[in-house]
Amino acid sequence: DARFARLGGIHRNTFINSPRLLDDRMRLKSRP
């Protein structure tokens, strides 16, 4: 008999290729 305050959903989760793009100070190599 459950009532739902929120139903589940799905979304696109974008991320960058950090090992290639960032330096060890977390800066974008092409734009520090």
Full PDB file with SEQRES, HELIX, SHEET, SSBOND, CRYST1, ORIGX, SCALE, CONECT and MASTER records, all heavy atoms in Angstrom:
SEQRES   1 A   32  ASP ALA ARG PHE ALA ARG LEU GLY GLY ILE HIS ARG ASN          
SEQRES   2 A   32  THR PHE ILE ASN SER PRO ARG LEU LEU ASP ASP ARG MET          
SEQRES   3 A   32  ARG LEU LYS SER ARG PRO                                      
HELIX    1 AA1 SER A   18  LEU A   21  1                                   4    
CRYST1    1.000    1.000    1.000  90.00  90.00  90.00 P 1           1          
ORIGX1      1.000000  0.000000  0.000000        0.00000                         
ORIGX2      0.000000  1.000000  0.000000        0.00000                         
ORIGX3      0.000000  0.000000  1.000000        0.00000                         
SCALE1      1.000000  0.000000  0.000000        0.00000                         
SCALE2      0.000000  1.000000  0.000000        0.00000                         
SCALE3      0.000000  0.000000  1.000000        0.00000                         
ATOM      1  N   ASP A   1       0.833  -1.208   0.000  1.00  0.00           N  
ATOM      2  CA  ASP A   1       0.000   0.000   0.000  1.00  0.00           C  
ATOM      3  C   ASP A   1       0.868   1.258   0.000  1.00  0.00           C  
ATOM      4  O   ASP A   1       0.405   2.342   0.399  1.00  0.00           O  
ATOM      5  CB  ASP A   1      -0.922   0.010   1.226  1.00  0.00           C  
ATOM      6  CG  ASP A   1      -1.878  -1.171   1.240  1.00  0.00           C  
ATOM      7  OD1 ASP A   1      -2.458  -1.465   0.176  1.00  0.00           O  
ATOM      8  OD2 ASP A   1      -2.030  -1.802   2.307  1.00  0.00           O  
ATOM      9  N   ALA A   2       2.103   1.127  -0.431  1.00  0.00           N  
ATOM     10  CA  ALA A   2       3.057   2.242  -0.348  1.00  0.00           C  
ATOM     11  C   ALA A   2       2.592   3.455  -1.143  1.00  0.00           C  
ATOM     12  O   ALA A   2       2.062   3.334  -2.242  1.00  0.00           O  
ATOM     13  CB  ALA A   2       4.430   1.792  -0.841  1.00  0.00           C  
ATOM     14  N   ARG A   3       2.821   4.622  -0.536  1.00  0.00           N  
ATOM     15  CA  ARG A   3       2.666   5.900  -1.229  1.00  0.00           C  
ATOM     16  C   ARG A   3       4.060   6.502  -1.393  1.00  0.00           C  
ATOM     17  O   ARG A   3       4.879   6.434  -0.478  1.00  0.00           O  
ATOM     18  CB  ARG A   3       1.758   6.841  -0.451  1.00  0.00           C  
ATOM     19  CG  ARG A   3       0.303   6.386  -0.399  1.00  0.00           C  
ATOM     20  CD  ARG A   3      -0.577   7.355   0.386  1.00  0.00           C  
ATOM     21  NE  ARG A   3      -0.278   7.327   1.818  1.00  0.00           N  
ATOM     22  CZ  ARG A   3       0.336   8.286   2.472  1.00  0.00           C  
ATOM     23  NH1 ARG A   3       0.727   9.381   1.843  1.00  0.00           N  
ATOM     24  NH2 ARG A   3       0.572   8.186   3.767  1.00  0.00           N  
ATOM     25  N   PHE A   4       4.312   7.094  -2.539  1.00  0.00           N  
ATOM     26  CA  PHE A   4       5.660   7.529  -2.873  1.00  0.00           C  
ATOM     27  C   PHE A   4       5.773   9.054  -2.860  1.00  0.00           C  
ATOM     28  O   PHE A   4       5.017   9.746  -3.534  1.00  0.00           O  
ATOM     29  CB  PHE A   4       6.065   6.989  -4.248  1.00  0.00           C  
ATOM     30  CG  PHE A   4       6.121   5.485  -4.289  1.00  0.00           C  
ATOM     31  CD1 PHE A   4       5.014   4.738  -4.673  1.00  0.00           C  
ATOM     32  CD2 PHE A   4       7.274   4.804  -3.910  1.00  0.00           C  
ATOM     33  CE1 PHE A   4       5.053   3.348  -4.701  1.00  0.00           C  
ATOM     34  CE2 PHE A   4       7.325   3.424  -3.925  1.00  0.00           C  
ATOM     35  CZ  PHE A   4       6.216   2.695  -4.319  1.00  0.00           C  
ATOM     36  N   ALA A   5       6.734   9.542  -2.067  1.00  0.00           N  
ATOM     37  CA  ALA A   5       7.022  10.976  -2.061  1.00  0.00           C  
ATOM     38  C   ALA A   5       7.810  11.360  -3.297  1.00  0.00           C  
ATOM     39  O   ALA A   5       7.733  12.505  -3.763  1.00  0.00           O  
ATOM     40  CB  ALA A   5       7.816  11.342  -0.805  1.00  0.00           C  
ATOM     41  N   ARG A   6       8.592  10.416  -3.807  1.00  0.00           N  
ATOM     42  CA  ARG A   6       9.347  10.629  -5.039  1.00  0.00           C  
ATOM     43  C   ARG A   6       9.593   9.281  -5.683  1.00  0.00           C  
ATOM     44  O   ARG A   6      10.003   8.332  -5.008  1.00  0.00           O  
ATOM     45  CB  ARG A   6      10.692  11.304  -4.751  1.00  0.00           C  
ATOM     46  CG  ARG A   6      11.493  11.622  -6.010  1.00  0.00           C  
ATOM     47  CD  ARG A   6      12.901  12.092  -5.688  1.00  0.00           C  
ATOM     48  NE  ARG A   6      13.732  10.994  -5.210  1.00  0.00           N  
ATOM     49  CZ  ARG A   6      14.953  11.150  -4.710  1.00  0.00           C  
ATOM     50  NH1 ARG A   6      15.452  12.357  -4.598  1.00  0.00           N  
ATOM     51  NH2 ARG A   6      15.648  10.109  -4.299  1.00  0.00           N  
ATOM     52  N   LEU A   7       9.320   9.193  -6.962  1.00  0.00           N  
ATOM     53  CA  LEU A   7       9.641   7.969  -7.679  1.00  0.00           C  
ATOM     54  C   LEU A   7      11.057   8.050  -8.232  1.00  0.00           C  
ATOM     55  O   LEU A   7      11.671   9.116  -8.270  1.00  0.00           O  
ATOM     56  CB  LEU A   7       8.624   7.739  -8.797  1.00  0.00           C  
ATOM     57  CG  LEU A   7       7.239   7.315  -8.293  1.00  0.00           C  
ATOM     58  CD1 LEU A   7       6.200   7.440  -9.397  1.00  0.00           C  
ATOM     59  CD2 LEU A   7       7.265   5.900  -7.736  1.00  0.00           C  
ATOM     60  N   GLY A   8      11.597   6.912  -8.620  1.00  0.00           N  
ATOM     61  CA  GLY A   8      12.957   6.870  -9.133  1.00  0.00           C  
ATOM     62  C   GLY A   8      13.070   7.532 -10.489  1.00  0.00           C  
ATOM     63  O   GLY A   8      12.078   7.793 -11.176  1.00  0.00           O  
ATOM     64  N   GLY A   9      14.281   7.808 -10.872  1.00  0.00           N  
ATOM     65  CA  GLY A   9      14.522   8.439 -12.168  1.00  0.00           C  
ATOM     66  C   GLY A   9      15.911   8.113 -12.665  1.00  0.00           C  
ATOM     67  O   GLY A   9      16.686   7.437 -11.992  1.00  0.00           O  
ATOM     68  N   ILE A  10      16.244   8.620 -13.825  1.00  0.00           N  
ATOM     69  CA  ILE A  10      17.545   8.348 -14.413  1.00  0.00           C  
ATOM     70  C   ILE A  10      18.017   9.588 -15.156  1.00  0.00           C  
ATOM     71  O   ILE A  10      17.205  10.316 -15.734  1.00  0.00           O  
ATOM     72  CB  ILE A  10      17.473   7.137 -15.360  1.00  0.00           C  
ATOM     73  CG1 ILE A  10      18.865   6.710 -15.780  1.00  0.00           C  
ATOM     74  CG2 ILE A  10      16.588   7.390 -16.546  1.00  0.00           C  
ATOM     75  CD1 ILE A  10      18.889   5.318 -16.395  1.00  0.00           C  
ATOM     76  N   HIS A  11      19.291   9.887 -15.059  1.00  0.00           N  
ATOM     77  CA  HIS A  11      19.797  11.046 -15.753  1.00  0.00           C  
ATOM     78  C   HIS A  11      21.208  10.805 -16.283  1.00  0.00           C  
ATOM     79  O   HIS A  11      21.917   9.932 -15.825  1.00  0.00           O  
ATOM     80  CB  HIS A  11      19.782  12.290 -14.863  1.00  0.00           C  
ATOM     81  CG  HIS A  11      20.587  12.164 -13.611  1.00  0.00           C  
ATOM     82  ND1 HIS A  11      20.056  11.712 -12.426  1.00  0.00           N  
ATOM     83  CD2 HIS A  11      21.889  12.422 -13.355  1.00  0.00           C  
ATOM     84  CE1 HIS A  11      20.992  11.710 -11.498  1.00  0.00           C  
ATOM     85  NE2 HIS A  11      22.119  12.139 -12.030  1.00  0.00           N  
ATOM     86  N   ARG A  12      21.564  11.607 -17.234  1.00  0.00           N  
ATOM     87  CA  ARG A  12      22.877  11.513 -17.848  1.00  0.00           C  
ATOM     88  C   ARG A  12      23.899  12.159 -16.923  1.00  0.00           C  
ATOM     89  O   ARG A  12      23.683  13.251 -16.411  1.00  0.00           O  
ATOM     90  CB  ARG A  12      22.850  12.215 -19.206  1.00  0.00           C  
ATOM     91  CG  ARG A  12      24.080  11.982 -20.067  1.00  0.00           C  
ATOM     92  CD  ARG A  12      23.791  12.482 -21.482  1.00  0.00           C  
ATOM     93  NE  ARG A  12      24.877  12.158 -22.398  1.00  0.00           N  
ATOM     94  CZ  ARG A  12      25.843  13.005 -22.710  1.00  0.00           C  
ATOM     95  NH1 ARG A  12      25.876  14.189 -22.169  1.00  0.00           N  
ATOM     96  NH2 ARG A  12      26.784  12.648 -23.571  1.00  0.00           N  
ATOM     97  N   ASN A  13      24.996  11.508 -16.711  1.00  0.00           N  
ATOM     98  CA  ASN A  13      26.020  11.994 -15.794  1.00  0.00           C  
ATOM     99  C   ASN A  13      27.299  12.216 -16.593  1.00  0.00           C  
ATOM    100  O   ASN A  13      27.943  11.271 -17.031  1.00  0.00           O  
ATOM    101  CB  ASN A  13      26.250  10.948 -14.691  1.00  0.00           C  
ATOM    102  CG  ASN A  13      27.150  11.472 -13.595  1.00  0.00           C  
ATOM    103  OD1 ASN A  13      27.892  12.425 -13.789  1.00  0.00           O  
ATOM    104  ND2 ASN A  13      27.091  10.836 -12.455  1.00  0.00           N  
ATOM    105  N   THR A  14      27.636  13.474 -16.831  1.00  0.00           N  
ATOM    106  CA  THR A  14      28.800  13.777 -17.661  1.00  0.00           C  
ATOM    107  C   THR A  14      30.044  13.985 -16.806  1.00  0.00           C  
ATOM    108  O   THR A  14      29.978  14.486 -15.691  1.00  0.00           O  
ATOM    109  CB  THR A  14      28.554  15.042 -18.495  1.00  0.00           C  
ATOM    110  OG1 THR A  14      28.209  16.110 -17.622  1.00  0.00           O  
ATOM    111  CG2 THR A  14      27.435  14.831 -19.489  1.00  0.00           C  
ATOM    112  N   PHE A  15      31.181  13.590 -17.359  1.00  0.00           N  
ATOM    113  CA  PHE A  15      32.458  13.820 -16.688  1.00  0.00           C  
ATOM    114  C   PHE A  15      33.538  13.936 -17.737  1.00  0.00           C  
ATOM    115  O   PHE A  15      33.400  13.434 -18.868  1.00  0.00           O  
ATOM    116  CB  PHE A  15      32.767  12.700 -15.700  1.00  0.00           C  
ATOM    117  CG  PHE A  15      32.913  11.339 -16.324  1.00  0.00           C  
ATOM    118  CD1 PHE A  15      34.153  10.831 -16.642  1.00  0.00           C  
ATOM    119  CD2 PHE A  15      31.791  10.561 -16.596  1.00  0.00           C  
ATOM    120  CE1 PHE A  15      34.291   9.574 -17.225  1.00  0.00           C  
ATOM    121  CE2 PHE A  15      31.913   9.307 -17.170  1.00  0.00           C  
ATOM    122  CZ  PHE A  15      33.169   8.809 -17.480  1.00  0.00           C  
ATOM    123  N   ILE A  16      34.623  14.601 -17.377  1.00  0.00           N  
ATOM    124  CA  ILE A  16      35.720  14.800 -18.319  1.00  0.00           C  
ATOM    125  C   ILE A  16      36.770  13.709 -18.144  1.00  0.00           C  
ATOM    126  O   ILE A  16      36.805  13.022 -17.121  1.00  0.00           O  
ATOM    127  CB  ILE A  16      36.365  16.185 -18.135  1.00  0.00           C  
ATOM    128  CG1 ILE A  16      36.990  16.310 -16.734  1.00  0.00           C  
ATOM    129  CG2 ILE A  16      35.358  17.299 -18.379  1.00  0.00           C  
ATOM    130  CD1 ILE A  16      37.813  17.573 -16.541  1.00  0.00           C  
ATOM    131  N   ASN A  17      37.628  13.580 -19.117  1.00  0.00           N  
ATOM    132  CA  ASN A  17      38.724  12.617 -19.037  1.00  0.00           C  
ATOM    133  C   ASN A  17      39.868  13.277 -18.270  1.00  0.00           C  
ATOM    134  O   ASN A  17      40.861  13.738 -18.841  1.00  0.00           O  
ATOM    135  CB  ASN A  17      39.169  12.208 -20.446  1.00  0.00           C  
ATOM    136  CG  ASN A  17      40.085  10.994 -20.413  1.00  0.00           C  
ATOM    137  OD1 ASN A  17      40.925  10.859 -19.542  1.00  0.00           O  
ATOM    138  ND2 ASN A  17      39.911  10.110 -21.374  1.00  0.00           N  
ATOM    139  N   SER A  18      39.718  13.334 -16.953  1.00  0.00           N  
ATOM    140  CA  SER A  18      40.655  14.075 -16.106  1.00  0.00           C  
ATOM    141  C   SER A  18      42.109  13.646 -16.237  1.00  0.00           C  
ATOM    142  O   SER A  18      43.001  14.502 -16.241  1.00  0.00           O  
ATOM    143  CB  SER A  18      40.205  13.987 -14.647  1.00  0.00           C  
ATOM    144  OG  SER A  18      38.991  14.674 -14.467  1.00  0.00           O  
ATOM    145  N   PRO A  19      42.421  12.331 -16.329  1.00  0.00           N  
ATOM    146  CA  PRO A  19      43.845  11.966 -16.419  1.00  0.00           C  
ATOM    147  C   PRO A  19      44.547  12.579 -17.633  1.00  0.00           C  
ATOM    148  O   PRO A  19      45.756  12.810 -17.601  1.00  0.00           O  
ATOM    149  CB  PRO A  19      43.800  10.434 -16.534  1.00  0.00           C  
ATOM    150  CG  PRO A  19      42.515  10.044 -15.903  1.00  0.00           C  
ATOM    151  CD  PRO A  19      41.564  11.151 -16.243  1.00  0.00           C  
ATOM    152  N   ARG A  20      43.791  12.855 -18.674  1.00  0.00           N  
ATOM    153  CA  ARG A  20      44.382  13.449 -19.875  1.00  0.00           C  
ATOM    154  C   ARG A  20      44.328  14.958 -19.858  1.00  0.00           C  
ATOM    155  O   ARG A  20      45.213  15.632 -20.405  1.00  0.00           O  
ATOM    156  CB  ARG A  20      43.659  12.925 -21.122  1.00  0.00           C  
ATOM    157  CG  ARG A  20      44.303  13.346 -22.424  1.00  0.00           C  
ATOM    158  CD  ARG A  20      43.691  12.627 -23.612  1.00  0.00           C  
ATOM    159  NE  ARG A  20      42.280  12.936 -23.783  1.00  0.00           N  
ATOM    160  CZ  ARG A  20      41.827  14.045 -24.380  1.00  0.00           C  
ATOM    161  NH1 ARG A  20      42.679  14.948 -24.808  1.00  0.00           N  
ATOM    162  NH2 ARG A  20      40.539  14.238 -24.529  1.00  0.00           N  
ATOM    163  N   LEU A  21      43.314  15.524 -19.184  1.00  0.00           N  
ATOM    164  CA  LEU A  21      43.049  16.957 -19.316  1.00  0.00           C  
ATOM    165  C   LEU A  21      43.560  17.809 -18.168  1.00  0.00           C  
ATOM    166  O   LEU A  21      43.808  19.006 -18.341  1.00  0.00           O  
ATOM    167  CB  LEU A  21      41.542  17.191 -19.472  1.00  0.00           C  
ATOM    168  CG  LEU A  21      40.878  16.542 -20.682  1.00  0.00           C  
ATOM    169  CD1 LEU A  21      39.369  16.737 -20.614  1.00  0.00           C  
ATOM    170  CD2 LEU A  21      41.440  17.118 -21.966  1.00  0.00           C  
ATOM    171  N   LEU A  22      43.702  17.235 -16.959  1.00  0.00           N  
ATOM    172  CA  LEU A  22      44.047  18.035 -15.779  1.00  0.00           C  
ATOM    173  C   LEU A  22      45.476  17.783 -15.313  1.00  0.00           C  
ATOM    174  O   LEU A  22      45.988  16.664 -15.433  1.00  0.00           O  
ATOM    175  CB  LEU A  22      43.092  17.713 -14.621  1.00  0.00           C  
ATOM    176  CG  LEU A  22      41.595  17.906 -14.862  1.00  0.00           C  
ATOM    177  CD1 LEU A  22      40.829  17.631 -13.574  1.00  0.00           C  
ATOM    178  CD2 LEU A  22      41.291  19.307 -15.385  1.00  0.00           C  
ATOM    179  N   ASP A  23      46.096  18.837 -14.739  1.00  0.00           N  
ATOM    180  CA  ASP A  23      47.386  18.635 -14.089  1.00  0.00           C  
ATOM    181  C   ASP A  23      47.158  18.266 -12.625  1.00  0.00           C  
ATOM    182  O   ASP A  23      46.002  18.157 -12.172  1.00  0.00           O  
ATOM    183  CB  ASP A  23      48.288  19.870 -14.238  1.00  0.00           C  
ATOM    184  CG  ASP A  23      47.788  21.097 -13.482  1.00  0.00           C  
ATOM    185  OD1 ASP A  23      46.909  20.960 -12.597  1.00  0.00           O  
ATOM    186  OD2 ASP A  23      48.291  22.208 -13.758  1.00  0.00           O  
ATOM    187  N   ASP A  24      48.240  18.061 -11.873  1.00  0.00           N  
ATOM    188  CA  ASP A  24      48.065  17.575 -10.505  1.00  0.00           C  
ATOM    189  C   ASP A  24      47.576  18.649  -9.544  1.00  0.00           C  
ATOM    190  O   ASP A  24      47.347  18.373  -8.370  1.00  0.00           O  
ATOM    191  CB  ASP A  24      49.354  16.932  -9.980  1.00  0.00           C  
ATOM    192  CG  ASP A  24      50.513  17.921  -9.867  1.00  0.00           C  
ATOM    193  OD1 ASP A  24      50.349  19.092 -10.263  1.00  0.00           O  
ATOM    194  OD2 ASP A  24      51.584  17.506  -9.384  1.00  0.00           O  
ATOM    195  N   ARG A  25      47.403  19.896 -10.020  1.00  0.00           N  
ATOM    196  CA  ARG A  25      46.756  20.961  -9.233  1.00  0.00           C  
ATOM    197  C   ARG A  25      45.305  21.136  -9.661  1.00  0.00           C  
ATOM    198  O   ARG A  25      44.676  22.116  -9.342  1.00  0.00           O  
ATOM    199  CB  ARG A  25      47.511  22.269  -9.386  1.00  0.00           C  
ATOM    200  CG  ARG A  25      48.601  22.551  -8.351  1.00  0.00           C  
ATOM    201  CD  ARG A  25      49.704  21.564  -8.348  1.00  0.00           C  
ATOM    202  NE  ARG A  25      50.833  21.995  -7.510  1.00  0.00           N  
ATOM    203  CZ  ARG A  25      51.908  21.266  -7.299  1.00  0.00           C  
ATOM    204  NH1 ARG A  25      52.015  20.062  -7.866  1.00  0.00           N  
ATOM    205  NH2 ARG A  25      52.890  21.703  -6.527  1.00  0.00           N  
ATOM    206  N   MET A  26      44.798  20.172 -10.440  1.00  0.00           N  
ATOM    207  CA  MET A  26      43.403  20.128 -10.881  1.00  0.00           C  
ATOM    208  C   MET A  26      43.075  21.204 -11.907  1.00  0.00           C  
ATOM    209  O   MET A  26      41.916  21.537 -12.127  1.00  0.00           O  
ATOM    210  CB  MET A  26      42.452  20.192  -9.683  1.00  0.00           C  
ATOM    211  CG  MET A  26      42.729  19.115  -8.646  1.00  0.00           C  
ATOM    212  SD  MET A  26      41.731  19.222  -7.169  1.00  0.00           S  
ATOM    213  CE  MET A  26      40.139  18.714  -7.806  1.00  0.00           C  
ATOM    214  N   ARG A  27      44.129  21.747 -12.552  1.00  0.00           N  
ATOM    215  CA  ARG A  27      43.946  22.786 -13.564  1.00  0.00           C  
ATOM    216  C   ARG A  27      43.815  22.160 -14.953  1.00  0.00           C  
ATOM    217  O   ARG A  27      44.459  21.153 -15.259  1.00  0.00           O  
ATOM    218  CB  ARG A  27      45.124  23.752 -13.551  1.00  0.00           C  
ATOM    219  CG  ARG A  27      45.264  24.542 -12.263  1.00  0.00           C  
ATOM    220  CD  ARG A  27      46.533  25.367 -12.240  1.00  0.00           C  
ATOM    221  NE  ARG A  27      47.734  24.518 -12.257  1.00  0.00           N  
ATOM    222  CZ  ARG A  27      48.891  24.874 -11.723  1.00  0.00           C  
ATOM    223  NH1 ARG A  27      49.027  26.046 -11.120  1.00  0.00           N  
ATOM    224  NH2 ARG A  27      49.924  24.059 -11.794  1.00  0.00           N  
ATOM    225  N   LEU A  28      42.992  22.794 -15.792  1.00  0.00           N  
ATOM    226  CA  LEU A  28      42.880  22.378 -17.179  1.00  0.00           C  
ATOM    227  C   LEU A  28      44.197  22.723 -17.871  1.00  0.00           C  
ATOM    228  O   LEU A  28      44.614  23.891 -17.876  1.00  0.00           O  
ATOM    229  CB  LEU A  28      41.696  23.093 -17.839  1.00  0.00           C  
ATOM    230  CG  LEU A  28      41.270  22.630 -19.223  1.00  0.00           C  
ATOM    231  CD1 LEU A  28      40.831  21.176 -19.210  1.00  0.00           C  
ATOM    232  CD2 LEU A  28      40.148  23.530 -19.742  1.00  0.00           C  
ATOM    233  N   LYS A  29      44.857  21.733 -18.425  1.00  0.00           N  
ATOM    234  CA  LYS A  29      46.187  21.956 -19.007  1.00  0.00           C  
ATOM    235  C   LYS A  29      46.167  23.022 -20.091  1.00  0.00           C  
ATOM    236  O   LYS A  29      47.103  23.823 -20.215  1.00  0.00           O  
ATOM    237  CB  LYS A  29      46.737  20.641 -19.563  1.00  0.00           C  
ATOM    238  CG  LYS A  29      47.052  19.609 -18.494  1.00  0.00           C  
ATOM    239  CD  LYS A  29      47.492  18.285 -19.123  1.00  0.00           C  
ATOM    240  CE  LYS A  29      47.723  17.223 -18.060  1.00  0.00           C  
ATOM    241  NZ  LYS A  29      48.094  15.909 -18.656  1.00  0.00           N  
ATOM    242  N   SER A  30      45.106  23.059 -20.884  1.00  0.00           N  
ATOM    243  CA  SER A  30      45.027  24.032 -21.976  1.00  0.00           C  
ATOM    244  C   SER A  30      44.649  25.429 -21.494  1.00  0.00           C  
ATOM    245  O   SER A  30      44.890  26.419 -22.198  1.00  0.00           O  
ATOM    246  CB  SER A  30      44.020  23.564 -23.028  1.00  0.00           C  
ATOM    247  OG  SER A  30      42.712  23.486 -22.475  1.00  0.00           O  
ATOM    248  N   ARG A  31      44.054  25.516 -20.303  1.00  0.00           N  
ATOM    249  CA  ARG A  31      43.683  26.814 -19.717  1.00  0.00           C  
ATOM    250  C   ARG A  31      43.906  26.733 -18.205  1.00  0.00           C  
ATOM    251  O   ARG A  31      42.969  26.470 -17.439  1.00  0.00           O  
ATOM    252  CB  ARG A  31      42.217  27.138 -19.993  1.00  0.00           C  
ATOM    253  CG  ARG A  31      41.903  27.407 -21.444  1.00  0.00           C  
ATOM    254  CD  ARG A  31      40.624  28.204 -21.532  1.00  0.00           C  
ATOM    255  NE  ARG A  31      40.121  28.312 -22.879  1.00  0.00           N  
ATOM    256  CZ  ARG A  31      39.111  29.090 -23.225  1.00  0.00           C  
ATOM    257  NH1 ARG A  31      38.491  29.817 -22.310  1.00  0.00           N  
ATOM    258  NH2 ARG A  31      38.696  29.147 -24.479  1.00  0.00           N  
ATOM    259  N   PRO A  32      45.114  26.962 -17.740  1.00  0.00           N  
ATOM    260  CA  PRO A  32      45.434  26.747 -16.317  1.00  0.00           C  
ATOM    261  C   PRO A  32      44.763  27.710 -15.350  1.00  0.00           C  
ATOM    262  O   PRO A  32      44.904  27.537 -14.140  1.00  0.00           O  
ATOM    263  CB  PRO A  32      46.959  26.879 -16.289  1.00  0.00           C  
ATOM    264  CG  PRO A  32      47.340  27.569 -17.550  1.00  0.00           C  
ATOM    265  CD  PRO A  32      46.300  27.234 -18.552  1.00  0.00           C  
TER     266      PRO A  32                                                      
MASTER        0    0    0    1    0    0    0    6  265    1    0    3          
END                                                                             
